[in-house]
Amino acid sequence: MPILPRKYPKDISSLQGLETTCEGDEGGLFAHLVRLALGKDADNNNADVTAAGYDTDGTAGVSLGELIFEEYTTDVDAGSREAIHKTKGEPLVCKGKAFINGAAKNVIVFRG
């Protein structure tokens, strides 16, 4: 499973902004999002970034670019969100962390 890495600045203004960026990257890379994490950009004085990973395998039948990003507070909250989206037929894409407006946030992503 080849993973294509992408880095997003920590000052991205909103969760919606990150969602839109990731949807565009899915379409442009012909790969689906599989990971979000906090990271450092070694090429930019170790600046804080949101590190994303995109998988180029297994995209057949996957509707690229239709993501739902939500912030969660606890694992129980994340579990509740997973259950709600499962009943809607919106599978879990990944759960991780991202910088939004300079602050680290817990993010869960579903495919719409």
C-alpha atoms as a PDB file:
ATOM      1  CA  MET A   1       0.000   0.000   0.000  1.00  0.00           C
ATOM      2  CA  PRO A   2       1.961   3.029  -1.237  1.00  0.00           C
ATOM      3  CA  ILE A   3       1.167   6.062   0.912  1.00  0.00           C
ATOM      4  CA  LEU A   4       1.547   9.548  -0.529  1.00  0.00           C
ATOM      5  CA  PRO A   5       2.356  12.061   2.219  1.00  0.00           C
ATOM      6  CA  ARG A   6       0.992  15.602   2.285  1.00  0.00           C
ATOM      7  CA  LYS A   7       1.603  18.435   4.765  1.00  0.00           C
ATOM      8  CA  TYR A   8      -0.863  21.181   5.617  1.00  0.00           C
ATOM      9  CA  PRO A   9       0.001  24.355   7.557  1.00  0.00           C
ATOM     10  CA  LYS A  10      -1.056  24.580  11.191  1.00  0.00           C
ATOM     11  CA  ASP A  11      -2.866  27.856  10.570  1.00  0.00           C
ATOM     12  CA  ILE A  12      -5.511  26.363   8.256  1.00  0.00           C
ATOM     13  CA  SER A  13      -8.528  28.406   9.301  1.00  0.00           C
ATOM     14  CA  SER A  14     -11.214  25.780   9.882  1.00  0.00           C
ATOM     15  CA  LEU A  15     -12.132  22.116   9.855  1.00  0.00           C
ATOM     16  CA  GLN A  16     -14.152  22.844   6.693  1.00  0.00           C
ATOM     17  CA  GLY A  17     -11.014  24.307   5.090  1.00  0.00           C
ATOM     18  CA  LEU A  18      -9.033  21.146   5.854  1.00  0.00           C
ATOM     19  CA  GLU A  19     -11.908  18.996   4.561  1.00  0.00           C
ATOM     20  CA  THR A  20     -12.015  20.921   1.271  1.00  0.00           C
ATOM     21  CA  THR A  21      -8.231  20.689   0.897  1.00  0.00           C
ATOM     22  CA  CYS A  22      -8.203  16.932   1.508  1.00  0.00           C
ATOM     23  CA  GLU A  23     -11.110  16.393  -0.905  1.00  0.00           C
ATOM     24  CA  GLY A  24      -9.177  18.261  -3.582  1.00  0.00           C
ATOM     25  CA  ASP A  25      -6.050  16.217  -2.901  1.00  0.00           C
ATOM     26  CA  GLU A  26      -7.989  12.958  -3.152  1.00  0.00           C
ATOM     27  CA  GLY A  27      -9.193  13.936  -6.600  1.00  0.00           C
ATOM     28  CA  GLY A  28      -5.844  15.298  -7.720  1.00  0.00           C
ATOM     29  CA  LEU A  29      -3.812  12.347  -6.438  1.00  0.00           C
ATOM     30  CA  PHE A  30      -6.365   9.658  -7.377  1.00  0.00           C
ATOM     31  CA  ALA A  31      -5.826   8.324  -3.856  1.00  0.00           C
ATOM     32  CA  HIS A  32      -7.935   8.112  -0.720  1.00  0.00           C
ATOM     33  CA  LEU A  33      -7.189   9.651   2.650  1.00  0.00           C
ATOM     34  CA  VAL A  34      -6.072   7.084   5.233  1.00  0.00           C
ATOM     35  CA  ARG A  35      -4.307   9.089   7.944  1.00  0.00           C
ATOM     36  CA  LEU A  36      -4.206  12.455   9.739  1.00  0.00           C
ATOM     37  CA  ALA A  37      -1.612  13.244  12.406  1.00  0.00           C
ATOM     38  CA  LEU A  38       0.325  16.098  13.912  1.00  0.00           C
ATOM     39  CA  GLY A  39       3.762  16.440  12.398  1.00  0.00           C
ATOM     40  CA  LYS A  40       6.799  18.595  11.726  1.00  0.00           C
ATOM     41  CA  ASP A  41       7.995  19.975   8.397  1.00  0.00           C
ATOM     42  CA  ALA A  42      11.719  19.282   8.220  1.00  0.00           C
ATOM     43  CA  ASP A  43      11.925  21.463   5.091  1.00  0.00           C
ATOM     44  CA  ASN A  44      10.519  24.479   6.963  1.00  0.00           C
ATOM     45  CA  ASN A  45      12.449  24.798  10.270  1.00  0.00           C
ATOM     46  CA  ASN A  46      10.437  21.948  11.815  1.00  0.00           C
ATOM     47  CA  ALA A  47       7.230  23.989  11.640  1.00  0.00           C
ATOM     48  CA  ASP A  48       4.103  22.313  13.003  1.00  0.00           C
ATOM     49  CA  VAL A  49       1.930  20.771  10.284  1.00  0.00           C
ATOM     50  CA  THR A  50      -0.963  18.406   9.839  1.00  0.00           C
ATOM     51  CA  ALA A  51       0.485  15.317   8.164  1.00  0.00           C
ATOM     52  CA  ALA A  52      -1.879  13.410   5.904  1.00  0.00           C
ATOM     53  CA  GLY A  53      -1.407  10.100   4.134  1.00  0.00           C
ATOM     54  CA  TYR A  54      -3.172   9.065   0.933  1.00  0.00           C
ATOM     55  CA  ASP A  55      -3.358   5.465  -0.315  1.00  0.00           C
ATOM     56  CA  THR A  56      -3.131   4.939  -4.081  1.00  0.00           C
ATOM     57  CA  ASP A  57      -4.260   1.294  -3.884  1.00  0.00           C
ATOM     58  CA  GLY A  58      -7.848   0.196  -3.554  1.00  0.00           C
ATOM     59  CA  THR A  59      -9.466   3.317  -4.969  1.00  0.00           C
ATOM     60  CA  ALA A  60     -11.726   1.337  -7.317  1.00  0.00           C
ATOM     61  CA  GLY A  61     -15.308   1.808  -6.201  1.00  0.00           C
ATOM     62  CA  VAL A  62     -14.343   4.527  -3.697  1.00  0.00           C
ATOM     63  CA  SER A  63     -16.039   7.861  -4.247  1.00  0.00           C
ATOM     64  CA  LEU A  64     -13.043  10.169  -3.959  1.00  0.00           C
ATOM     65  CA  GLY A  65     -13.472  13.693  -2.669  1.00  0.00           C
ATOM     66  CA  GLU A  66     -16.623  13.198  -0.590  1.00  0.00           C
ATOM     67  CA  LEU A  67     -15.393  13.494   2.980  1.00  0.00           C
ATOM     68  CA  ILE A  68     -17.057  14.489   6.254  1.00  0.00           C
ATOM     69  CA  PHE A  69     -14.718  15.956   8.889  1.00  0.00           C
ATOM     70  CA  GLU A  70     -15.836  16.297  12.518  1.00  0.00           C
ATOM     71  CA  GLU A  71     -14.079  17.262  15.719  1.00  0.00           C
ATOM     72  CA  TYR A  72     -14.494  14.911  18.681  1.00  0.00           C
ATOM     73  CA  THR A  73     -13.628  15.314  22.349  1.00  0.00           C
ATOM     74  CA  THR A  74     -13.336  11.798  23.836  1.00  0.00           C
ATOM     75  CA  ASP A  75     -13.162   8.225  22.590  1.00  0.00           C
ATOM     76  CA  VAL A  76     -16.790   7.796  23.680  1.00  0.00           C
ATOM     77  CA  ASP A  77     -17.735  10.823  21.558  1.00  0.00           C
ATOM     78  CA  ALA A  78     -15.815   9.355  18.598  1.00  0.00           C
ATOM     79  CA  GLY A  79     -17.573   5.998  19.077  1.00  0.00           C
ATOM     80  CA  SER A  80     -20.971   7.692  19.082  1.00  0.00           C
ATOM     81  CA  ARG A  81     -20.130   9.561  15.893  1.00  0.00           C
ATOM     82  CA  GLU A  82     -18.989   6.311  14.253  1.00  0.00           C
ATOM     83  CA  ALA A  83     -22.284   4.620  15.169  1.00  0.00           C
ATOM     84  CA  ILE A  84     -24.359   7.520  13.805  1.00  0.00           C
ATOM     85  CA  HIS A  85     -22.470   7.633  10.505  1.00  0.00           C
ATOM     86  CA  LYS A  86     -22.554   3.841  10.158  1.00  0.00           C
ATOM     87  CA  THR A  87     -26.366   3.931  10.223  1.00  0.00           C
ATOM     88  CA  LYS A  88     -26.194   6.484   7.377  1.00  0.00           C
ATOM     89  CA  GLY A  89     -23.890   4.261   5.315  1.00  0.00           C
ATOM     90  CA  GLU A  90     -20.962   6.651   5.783  1.00  0.00           C
ATOM     91  CA  PRO A  91     -17.887   4.538   6.560  1.00  0.00           C
ATOM     92  CA  LEU A  92     -15.035   5.626   8.812  1.00  0.00           C
ATOM     93  CA  VAL A  93     -12.023   6.882   6.841  1.00  0.00           C
ATOM     94  CA  CYS A  94      -9.659   7.667   9.717  1.00  0.00           C
ATOM     95  CA  LYS A  95      -9.387   9.120  13.187  1.00  0.00           C
ATOM     96  CA  GLY A  96      -6.461  11.338  14.139  1.00  0.00           C
ATOM     97  CA  LYS A  97      -5.274  14.820  15.003  1.00  0.00           C
ATOM     98  CA  ALA A  98      -4.989  17.994  12.964  1.00  0.00           C
ATOM     99  CA  PHE A  99      -3.999  21.594  13.495  1.00  0.00           C
ATOM    100  CA  ILE A 100      -6.932  23.975  13.048  1.00  0.00           C
ATOM    101  CA  ASN A 101      -6.160  27.668  13.409  1.00  0.00           C
ATOM    102  CA  GLY A 102      -2.936  26.787  15.248  1.00  0.00           C
ATOM    103  CA  ALA A 103      -4.529  24.446  17.816  1.00  0.00           C
ATOM    104  CA  ALA A 104      -4.315  20.650  17.855  1.00  0.00           C
ATOM    105  CA  LYS A 105      -7.765  19.038  17.477  1.00  0.00           C
ATOM    106  CA  ASN A 106      -9.078  15.471  17.506  1.00  0.00           C
ATOM    107  CA  VAL A 107     -10.581  14.789  14.086  1.00  0.00           C
ATOM    108  CA  ILE A 108     -12.660  11.910  12.779  1.00  0.00           C
ATOM    109  CA  VAL A 109     -13.332  11.546   9.062  1.00  0.00           C
ATOM    110  CA  PHE A 110     -16.106   9.685   7.243  1.00  0.00           C
ATOM    111  CA  ARG A 111     -16.837   9.121   3.579  1.00  0.00           C
ATOM    112  CA  GLY A 112     -20.131  10.630   2.446  1.00  0.00           C
END
